Amino acid sequence: MINLELIQTVIADGLSAHLGIPVVQIDAVRPTQYPYITYSYSGPIKYPSGTPVMTLVEAGTEEVMERYTEQPTCRISLNSCSNQQLESWTNAIRMHDWFRILGHDALKQGADLVVVQAGKIKNRDTVIEGVWERKSQLYVTFRTASVVDMNQGTIQTVNWK
């Protein structure tokens, strides 16, 4: 199973530490001051076709554990929000650099994530009650491990007839 909560935590904490600004889910209460980053899963989560790789892991004398492993991809949408266009673009570029280069180790070690693609940065400016909110949007596609464990009882005796 993909640990989405762990992925969110590693991304939000890593980006926030790198950029020095808040990183929040898109549907959460937004910070009262600019700048900040919003994120959300934008799907789809794509699993490889075929059967996952199965390995046996010892789980005691009475059972054995089957571990099924595969590497699905998932995508996240991020928005750099500001009241100044240059600040929004600058934070989006820094965020792009973090995903492609600077955050590689934090993502890999913290959540077993590898960036497959950090996409184009797009302008998503909006006007809210006559005031511009400057947004720069970025999509990032990841590959991660999905591991499912299933315990199976062992055969103790076989009766031949």
N, C-alpha and C. Protein backbone atom coordinates (compact mmCIF):
# COMPACT_ATOMS: atom_id res chain seq x y z
N MET A 1 0.84 -1.17 0.00
CA MET A 1 0.00 0.00 0.00
C MET A 1 0.89 1.24 0.00
N ILE A 2 0.46 2.24 -0.69
CA ILE A 2 1.18 3.51 -0.73
C ILE A 2 0.85 4.30 0.53
N ASN A 3 1.86 4.82 1.22
CA ASN A 3 1.65 5.60 2.43
C ASN A 3 1.53 7.08 2.05
N LEU A 4 0.32 7.51 1.69
CA LEU A 4 0.10 8.88 1.23
C LEU A 4 0.36 9.91 2.32
N GLU A 5 0.05 9.58 3.56
CA GLU A 5 0.30 10.52 4.66
C GLU A 5 1.79 10.80 4.83
N LEU A 6 2.60 9.75 4.74
CA LEU A 6 4.05 9.92 4.85
C LEU A 6 4.57 10.77 3.69
N ILE A 7 4.08 10.51 2.49
CA ILE A 7 4.50 11.27 1.31
C ILE A 7 4.17 12.75 1.51
N GLN A 8 2.95 13.06 1.95
CA GLN A 8 2.56 14.45 2.19
C GLN A 8 3.47 15.11 3.21
N THR A 9 3.74 14.42 4.30
CA THR A 9 4.57 14.99 5.37
C THR A 9 5.98 15.28 4.88
N VAL A 10 6.59 14.34 4.17
CA VAL A 10 7.96 14.53 3.68
C VAL A 10 8.03 15.69 2.69
N ILE A 11 7.06 15.76 1.79
CA ILE A 11 7.05 16.85 0.81
C ILE A 11 6.80 18.20 1.49
N ALA A 12 5.76 18.29 2.31
CA ALA A 12 5.42 19.57 2.94
C ALA A 12 6.55 20.06 3.85
N ASP A 13 7.09 19.17 4.68
CA ASP A 13 8.16 19.57 5.59
C ASP A 13 9.44 19.94 4.83
N GLY A 14 9.78 19.15 3.82
CA GLY A 14 10.99 19.43 3.05
C GLY A 14 10.92 20.72 2.27
N LEU A 15 9.79 20.94 1.60
CA LEU A 15 9.62 22.19 0.84
C LEU A 15 9.58 23.41 1.75
N SER A 16 8.86 23.29 2.86
CA SER A 16 8.76 24.40 3.80
C SER A 16 10.13 24.78 4.36
N ALA A 17 10.93 23.77 4.70
CA ALA A 17 12.28 24.05 5.20
C ALA A 17 13.15 24.69 4.12
N HIS A 18 13.03 24.22 2.89
CA HIS A 18 13.84 24.76 1.79
C HIS A 18 13.43 26.18 1.41
N LEU A 19 12.12 26.42 1.31
CA LEU A 19 11.64 27.72 0.86
C LEU A 19 11.48 28.73 1.99
N GLY A 20 11.31 28.25 3.21
CA GLY A 20 11.11 29.15 4.35
C GLY A 20 9.71 29.76 4.39
N ILE A 21 8.73 29.10 3.75
CA ILE A 21 7.35 29.58 3.74
C ILE A 21 6.42 28.39 4.02
N PRO A 22 5.17 28.66 4.43
CA PRO A 22 4.24 27.56 4.71
C PRO A 22 3.88 26.76 3.46
N VAL A 23 3.69 25.46 3.66
CA VAL A 23 3.23 24.55 2.61
C VAL A 23 2.02 23.83 3.17
N VAL A 24 0.84 24.05 2.55
CA VAL A 24 -0.41 23.51 3.08
C VAL A 24 -1.20 22.80 2.00
N GLN A 25 -2.08 21.88 2.42
CA GLN A 25 -2.98 21.25 1.47
C GLN A 25 -3.91 22.30 0.88
N ILE A 26 -4.34 22.06 -0.35
CA ILE A 26 -5.15 23.05 -1.04
C ILE A 26 -6.49 23.30 -0.35
N ASP A 27 -7.03 22.29 0.33
CA ASP A 27 -8.32 22.46 0.99
C ASP A 27 -8.19 22.80 2.48
N ALA A 28 -6.98 23.06 2.94
CA ALA A 28 -6.76 23.45 4.34
C ALA A 28 -6.94 24.96 4.49
N VAL A 29 -6.97 25.41 5.73
CA VAL A 29 -7.04 26.85 5.99
C VAL A 29 -5.74 27.47 5.49
N ARG A 30 -5.88 28.44 4.65
CA ARG A 30 -4.69 29.06 4.04
C ARG A 30 -4.07 30.08 4.99
N PRO A 31 -2.75 30.22 4.90
CA PRO A 31 -2.08 31.23 5.72
C PRO A 31 -2.64 32.62 5.42
N THR A 32 -2.60 33.48 6.40
CA THR A 32 -3.16 34.83 6.23
C THR A 32 -2.22 35.75 5.47
N GLN A 33 -0.95 35.38 5.38
CA GLN A 33 0.02 36.23 4.70
C GLN A 33 0.67 35.48 3.55
N TYR A 34 0.97 36.20 2.48
CA TYR A 34 1.72 35.64 1.36
C TYR A 34 3.20 35.69 1.70
N PRO A 35 4.03 34.89 1.08
CA PRO A 35 3.75 33.82 0.13
C PRO A 35 3.52 32.50 0.86
N TYR A 36 2.95 31.53 0.13
CA TYR A 36 2.79 30.17 0.62
C TYR A 36 2.60 29.24 -0.57
N ILE A 37 2.69 27.93 -0.28
CA ILE A 37 2.55 26.89 -1.29
C ILE A 37 1.33 26.05 -0.93
N THR A 38 0.50 25.71 -1.94
CA THR A 38 -0.57 24.74 -1.73
C THR A 38 -0.26 23.51 -2.57
N TYR A 39 -0.77 22.35 -2.11
CA TYR A 39 -0.56 21.11 -2.87
C TYR A 39 -1.78 20.21 -2.76
N SER A 40 -1.92 19.33 -3.74
CA SER A 40 -2.97 18.31 -3.70
C SER A 40 -2.59 17.17 -4.64
N TYR A 41 -3.09 15.99 -4.33
CA TYR A 41 -2.91 14.88 -5.27
C TYR A 41 -3.81 15.15 -6.46
N SER A 42 -3.29 14.96 -7.65
CA SER A 42 -4.11 15.25 -8.83
C SER A 42 -4.36 14.02 -9.67
N GLY A 43 -3.85 12.87 -9.23
CA GLY A 43 -4.12 11.60 -9.91
C GLY A 43 -3.69 11.61 -11.36
N PRO A 44 -3.76 10.54 -12.00
CA PRO A 44 -4.16 9.25 -11.45
C PRO A 44 -2.98 8.57 -10.76
N ILE A 45 -3.28 7.57 -9.93
CA ILE A 45 -2.24 6.69 -9.43
C ILE A 45 -2.22 5.51 -10.38
N LYS A 46 -1.10 5.33 -11.05
CA LYS A 46 -1.00 4.29 -12.08
C LYS A 46 -0.14 3.14 -11.57
N TYR A 47 -0.75 1.96 -11.53
CA TYR A 47 -0.04 0.75 -11.14
C TYR A 47 0.46 0.05 -12.40
N PRO A 48 1.62 -0.59 -12.32
CA PRO A 48 2.11 -1.33 -13.49
C PRO A 48 1.15 -2.47 -13.83
N SER A 49 1.06 -2.79 -15.11
CA SER A 49 0.21 -3.92 -15.48
C SER A 49 0.94 -5.20 -15.08
N GLY A 50 0.18 -6.24 -14.86
CA GLY A 50 0.78 -7.51 -14.45
C GLY A 50 0.73 -7.71 -12.96
N THR A 51 1.27 -8.82 -12.54
CA THR A 51 1.25 -9.22 -11.14
C THR A 51 2.43 -8.59 -10.40
N PRO A 52 2.21 -8.12 -9.17
CA PRO A 52 3.33 -7.59 -8.38
C PRO A 52 4.36 -8.69 -8.09
N VAL A 53 5.57 -8.30 -7.81
CA VAL A 53 6.63 -9.24 -7.45
C VAL A 53 6.33 -9.77 -6.05
N MET A 54 6.41 -11.10 -5.88
CA MET A 54 6.13 -11.71 -4.58
C MET A 54 7.40 -12.35 -4.05
N THR A 55 7.70 -12.04 -2.79
CA THR A 55 8.82 -12.68 -2.10
C THR A 55 8.28 -13.25 -0.79
N LEU A 56 8.95 -14.28 -0.28
CA LEU A 56 8.55 -14.89 0.98
C LEU A 56 9.43 -14.34 2.10
N VAL A 57 8.78 -14.00 3.21
CA VAL A 57 9.48 -13.46 4.37
C VAL A 57 9.11 -14.34 5.55
N GLU A 58 10.11 -14.80 6.30
CA GLU A 58 9.83 -15.65 7.45
C GLU A 58 9.03 -14.87 8.49
N ALA A 59 7.99 -15.53 9.01
CA ALA A 59 7.14 -14.89 10.01
C ALA A 59 6.92 -15.81 11.21
N GLY A 60 7.75 -16.80 11.40
CA GLY A 60 7.59 -17.74 12.51
C GLY A 60 7.44 -19.15 11.99
N THR A 61 7.23 -20.10 12.91
CA THR A 61 7.14 -21.51 12.52
C THR A 61 5.76 -21.89 12.02
N GLU A 62 4.74 -21.15 12.39
CA GLU A 62 3.37 -21.50 12.02
C GLU A 62 2.87 -20.81 10.75
N GLU A 63 3.59 -19.79 10.30
CA GLU A 63 3.13 -19.09 9.09
C GLU A 63 4.30 -18.49 8.33
N VAL A 64 4.00 -18.13 7.12
CA VAL A 64 4.96 -17.46 6.26
C VAL A 64 4.28 -16.21 5.71
N MET A 65 5.05 -15.16 5.48
CA MET A 65 4.47 -13.93 4.97
C MET A 65 4.84 -13.77 3.50
N GLU A 66 3.82 -13.52 2.68
CA GLU A 66 4.04 -13.20 1.27
C GLU A 66 4.07 -11.69 1.16
N ARG A 67 5.14 -11.16 0.57
CA ARG A 67 5.27 -9.71 0.40
C ARG A 67 5.15 -9.40 -1.09
N TYR A 68 4.16 -8.61 -1.43
CA TYR A 68 3.91 -8.20 -2.82
C TYR A 68 4.38 -6.76 -3.00
N THR A 69 5.26 -6.55 -3.98
CA THR A 69 5.86 -5.24 -4.19
C THR A 69 5.70 -4.81 -5.65
N GLU A 70 5.36 -3.53 -5.82
CA GLU A 70 5.31 -2.93 -7.16
C GLU A 70 5.62 -1.44 -7.04
N GLN A 71 5.80 -0.78 -8.18
CA GLN A 71 6.19 0.63 -8.18
C GLN A 71 5.20 1.47 -8.99
N PRO A 72 4.12 1.92 -8.37
CA PRO A 72 3.18 2.78 -9.07
C PRO A 72 3.70 4.21 -9.16
N THR A 73 3.09 4.99 -10.03
CA THR A 73 3.40 6.41 -10.12
C THR A 73 2.18 7.20 -9.64
N CYS A 74 2.45 8.36 -9.08
CA CYS A 74 1.37 9.26 -8.67
C CYS A 74 1.80 10.69 -8.97
N ARG A 75 0.83 11.58 -9.01
CA ARG A 75 1.11 12.96 -9.39
C ARG A 75 0.54 13.91 -8.35
N ILE A 76 1.28 14.99 -8.11
CA ILE A 76 0.86 16.00 -7.17
C ILE A 76 0.90 17.36 -7.87
N SER A 77 -0.06 18.21 -7.54
CA SER A 77 -0.14 19.56 -8.09
C SER A 77 0.28 20.54 -6.99
N LEU A 78 1.13 21.49 -7.34
CA LEU A 78 1.59 22.48 -6.37
C LEU A 78 1.40 23.88 -6.95
N ASN A 79 1.00 24.80 -6.08
CA ASN A 79 0.81 26.20 -6.49
C ASN A 79 1.62 27.11 -5.58
N SER A 80 2.42 27.96 -6.20
CA SER A 80 3.14 29.00 -5.47
C SER A 80 2.24 30.22 -5.47
N CYS A 81 1.79 30.65 -4.28
CA CYS A 81 0.83 31.76 -4.16
C CYS A 81 1.50 32.98 -3.55
N SER A 82 1.22 34.13 -4.12
CA SER A 82 1.79 35.38 -3.63
C SER A 82 0.91 36.53 -4.09
N ASN A 83 1.19 37.72 -3.60
CA ASN A 83 0.53 38.91 -4.13
C ASN A 83 1.46 39.65 -5.10
N GLN A 84 2.64 39.08 -5.32
CA GLN A 84 3.60 39.66 -6.26
C GLN A 84 4.00 38.59 -7.28
N GLN A 85 3.91 38.93 -8.55
CA GLN A 85 4.16 37.94 -9.60
C GLN A 85 5.59 37.40 -9.56
N LEU A 86 6.57 38.26 -9.41
CA LEU A 86 7.96 37.81 -9.39
C LEU A 86 8.22 36.85 -8.23
N GLU A 87 7.65 37.12 -7.07
CA GLU A 87 7.82 36.25 -5.92
C GLU A 87 7.19 34.88 -6.17
N SER A 88 6.02 34.86 -6.80
CA SER A 88 5.35 33.60 -7.12
C SER A 88 6.20 32.77 -8.07
N TRP A 89 6.71 33.39 -9.12
CA TRP A 89 7.55 32.67 -10.09
C TRP A 89 8.86 32.20 -9.44
N THR A 90 9.47 33.04 -8.64
CA THR A 90 10.74 32.69 -8.00
C THR A 90 10.56 31.48 -7.08
N ASN A 91 9.50 31.47 -6.28
CA ASN A 91 9.25 30.33 -5.39
C ASN A 91 8.93 29.07 -6.19
N ALA A 92 8.23 29.22 -7.30
CA ALA A 92 7.92 28.06 -8.16
C ALA A 92 9.20 27.48 -8.76
N ILE A 93 10.12 28.32 -9.18
CA ILE A 93 11.40 27.86 -9.74
C ILE A 93 12.22 27.17 -8.65
N ARG A 94 12.25 27.74 -7.46
CA ARG A 94 12.99 27.12 -6.35
C ARG A 94 12.36 25.78 -5.97
N MET A 95 11.03 25.71 -6.01
CA MET A 95 10.32 24.47 -5.73
C MET A 95 10.67 23.42 -6.79
N HIS A 96 10.68 23.82 -8.05
CA HIS A 96 11.04 22.93 -9.17
C HIS A 96 12.45 22.38 -8.97
N ASP A 97 13.39 23.25 -8.61
CA ASP A 97 14.77 22.82 -8.36
C ASP A 97 14.85 21.85 -7.18
N TRP A 98 14.04 22.07 -6.15
CA TRP A 98 14.05 21.17 -5.00
C TRP A 98 13.60 19.78 -5.40
N PHE A 99 12.53 19.69 -6.17
CA PHE A 99 12.05 18.37 -6.60
C PHE A 99 13.04 17.68 -7.53
N ARG A 100 13.65 18.41 -8.44
CA ARG A 100 14.54 17.78 -9.42
C ARG A 100 15.92 17.45 -8.84
N ILE A 101 16.43 18.30 -7.93
CA ILE A 101 17.82 18.14 -7.51
C ILE A 101 17.98 18.14 -5.98
N LEU A 102 17.68 19.24 -5.35
CA LEU A 102 18.02 19.45 -3.95
C LEU A 102 17.29 18.53 -2.98
N GLY A 103 16.04 18.16 -3.28
CA GLY A 103 15.26 17.34 -2.37
C GLY A 103 15.34 15.86 -2.66
N HIS A 104 16.18 15.46 -3.62
CA HIS A 104 16.25 14.05 -4.03
C HIS A 104 16.46 13.11 -2.85
N ASP A 105 17.47 13.40 -2.02
CA ASP A 105 17.78 12.51 -0.89
C ASP A 105 16.67 12.51 0.15
N ALA A 106 16.10 13.68 0.45
CA ALA A 106 15.03 13.75 1.45
C ALA A 106 13.81 12.95 0.99
N LEU A 107 13.48 13.03 -0.28
CA LEU A 107 12.34 12.29 -0.82
C LEU A 107 12.60 10.79 -0.82
N LYS A 108 13.79 10.40 -1.25
CA LYS A 108 14.15 8.98 -1.35
C LYS A 108 14.24 8.34 0.03
N GLN A 109 14.95 8.98 0.94
CA GLN A 109 15.15 8.41 2.27
C GLN A 109 13.92 8.54 3.16
N GLY A 110 13.18 9.64 3.02
CA GLY A 110 12.04 9.89 3.90
C GLY A 110 10.77 9.16 3.51
N ALA A 111 10.53 8.99 2.19
CA ALA A 111 9.25 8.41 1.76
C ALA A 111 9.40 7.44 0.60
N ASP A 112 10.63 7.05 0.27
CA ASP A 112 10.88 6.12 -0.83
C ASP A 112 10.28 6.63 -2.14
N LEU A 113 10.47 7.92 -2.39
CA LEU A 113 9.96 8.58 -3.60
C LEU A 113 11.10 8.91 -4.54
N VAL A 114 10.84 8.75 -5.83
CA VAL A 114 11.77 9.20 -6.86
C VAL A 114 10.97 10.06 -7.83
N VAL A 115 11.46 11.23 -8.15
CA VAL A 115 10.78 12.12 -9.08
C VAL A 115 10.98 11.59 -10.50
N VAL A 116 9.87 11.32 -11.18
CA VAL A 116 9.91 10.88 -12.57
C VAL A 116 9.92 12.09 -13.48
N GLN A 117 9.10 13.10 -13.14
CA GLN A 117 9.04 14.31 -13.95
C GLN A 117 8.57 15.49 -13.11
N ALA A 118 9.30 16.57 -13.18
CA ALA A 118 8.84 17.85 -12.64
C ALA A 118 8.47 18.67 -13.86
N GLY A 119 7.18 18.91 -14.04
CA GLY A 119 6.66 19.49 -15.27
C GLY A 119 6.91 20.98 -15.42
N LYS A 120 6.23 21.53 -16.40
CA LYS A 120 6.34 22.96 -16.71
C LYS A 120 5.72 23.78 -15.59
N ILE A 121 6.24 24.99 -15.42
CA ILE A 121 5.65 25.94 -14.48
C ILE A 121 4.69 26.80 -15.28
N LYS A 122 3.42 26.85 -14.83
CA LYS A 122 2.39 27.56 -15.57
C LYS A 122 1.80 28.69 -14.73
N ASN A 123 1.39 29.74 -15.41
CA ASN A 123 0.76 30.88 -14.77
C ASN A 123 -0.70 30.55 -14.48
N ARG A 124 -1.12 30.70 -13.22
CA ARG A 124 -2.50 30.46 -12.81
C ARG A 124 -3.03 31.64 -11.99
N ASP A 125 -2.64 32.88 -12.38
CA ASP A 125 -3.08 34.08 -11.66
C ASP A 125 -4.60 34.18 -11.65
N THR A 126 -5.15 34.69 -10.55
CA THR A 126 -6.59 34.91 -10.44
C THR A 126 -6.85 36.26 -9.79
N VAL A 127 -8.05 36.80 -10.03
CA VAL A 127 -8.47 38.04 -9.40
C VAL A 127 -9.53 37.69 -8.37
N ILE A 128 -9.28 38.08 -7.11
CA ILE A 128 -10.23 37.84 -6.02
C ILE A 128 -10.67 39.19 -5.49
N GLU A 129 -11.93 39.53 -5.73
CA GLU A 129 -12.50 40.81 -5.29
C GLU A 129 -11.63 41.99 -5.72
N GLY A 130 -11.22 41.96 -6.97
CA GLY A 130 -10.44 43.07 -7.54
C GLY A 130 -8.96 43.06 -7.19
N VAL A 131 -8.51 42.07 -6.45
CA VAL A 131 -7.11 41.99 -6.05
C VAL A 131 -6.49 40.74 -6.70
N TRP A 132 -5.33 40.92 -7.30
CA TRP A 132 -4.65 39.80 -7.96
C TRP A 132 -4.02 38.86 -6.95
N GLU A 133 -4.28 37.57 -7.14
CA GLU A 133 -3.52 36.54 -6.42
C GLU A 133 -2.64 35.89 -7.48
N ARG A 134 -1.35 36.00 -7.29
CA ARG A 134 -0.39 35.47 -8.27
C ARG A 134 -0.08 34.02 -7.93
N LYS A 135 -0.35 33.13 -8.90
CA LYS A 135 -0.11 31.71 -8.70
C LYS A 135 0.73 31.16 -9.86
N SER A 136 1.67 30.32 -9.49
CA SER A 136 2.46 29.58 -10.48
C SER A 136 2.29 28.10 -10.14
N GLN A 137 1.84 27.32 -11.11
CA GLN A 137 1.50 25.92 -10.87
C GLN A 137 2.53 24.98 -11.47
N LEU A 138 2.74 23.87 -10.77
CA LEU A 138 3.71 22.86 -11.17
C LEU A 138 3.12 21.49 -10.85
N TYR A 139 3.24 20.55 -11.78
CA TYR A 139 2.87 19.16 -11.53
C TYR A 139 4.15 18.34 -11.40
N VAL A 140 4.17 17.46 -10.40
CA VAL A 140 5.32 16.58 -10.20
C VAL A 140 4.82 15.14 -10.17
N THR A 141 5.45 14.28 -10.97
CA THR A 141 5.11 12.86 -11.01
C THR A 141 6.19 12.08 -10.29
N PHE A 142 5.75 11.17 -9.39
CA PHE A 142 6.66 10.37 -8.58
C PHE A 142 6.49 8.90 -8.87
N ARG A 143 7.51 8.14 -8.57
CA ARG A 143 7.42 6.68 -8.49
C ARG A 143 7.72 6.32 -7.04
N THR A 144 6.93 5.41 -6.51
CA THR A 144 7.11 5.00 -5.12
C THR A 144 6.88 3.50 -4.99
N ALA A 145 7.18 2.97 -3.84
CA ALA A 145 6.97 1.54 -3.60
C ALA A 145 5.61 1.32 -2.96
N SER A 146 4.93 0.31 -3.44
CA SER A 146 3.69 -0.15 -2.82
C SER A 146 3.97 -1.57 -2.34
N VAL A 147 3.87 -1.78 -1.04
CA VAL A 147 4.16 -3.09 -0.44
C VAL A 147 2.93 -3.57 0.30
N VAL A 148 2.51 -4.79 -0.03
CA VAL A 148 1.37 -5.41 0.65
C VAL A 148 1.85 -6.75 1.21
N ASP A 149 1.67 -6.94 2.52
CA ASP A 149 2.06 -8.19 3.18
C ASP A 149 0.81 -9.02 3.47
N MET A 150 0.93 -10.33 3.23
CA MET A 150 -0.18 -11.25 3.50
C MET A 150 0.37 -12.49 4.19
N ASN A 151 -0.14 -12.76 5.39
CA ASN A 151 0.29 -13.95 6.14
C ASN A 151 -0.45 -15.18 5.64
N GLN A 152 0.31 -16.27 5.50
CA GLN A 152 -0.25 -17.56 5.07
C GLN A 152 0.19 -18.61 6.08
N GLY A 153 -0.75 -19.43 6.49
CA GLY A 153 -0.41 -20.53 7.39
C GLY A 153 0.41 -21.57 6.64
N THR A 154 1.28 -22.25 7.36
CA THR A 154 2.10 -23.31 6.74
C THR A 154 1.39 -24.65 6.87
N ILE A 155 1.71 -25.56 5.99
CA ILE A 155 1.15 -26.90 6.04
C ILE A 155 1.97 -27.70 7.04
N GLN A 156 1.31 -28.19 8.09
CA GLN A 156 2.00 -28.93 9.13
C GLN A 156 2.08 -30.42 8.84
N THR A 157 0.97 -31.01 8.36
CA THR A 157 0.93 -32.45 8.09
C THR A 157 0.18 -32.69 6.79
N VAL A 158 0.62 -33.69 6.08
CA VAL A 158 -0.05 -34.11 4.86
C VAL A 158 -0.47 -35.55 5.03
N ASN A 159 -1.71 -35.87 4.83
CA ASN A 159 -2.23 -37.23 4.91
C ASN A 159 -2.31 -37.82 3.49
N TRP A 160 -1.52 -38.85 3.25
CA TRP A 160 -1.54 -39.53 1.94
C TRP A 160 -2.48 -40.71 2.00
N LYS A 161 -3.28 -40.89 1.01
CA LYS A 161 -4.18 -42.05 0.96
C LYS A 161 -3.93 -42.84 -0.29
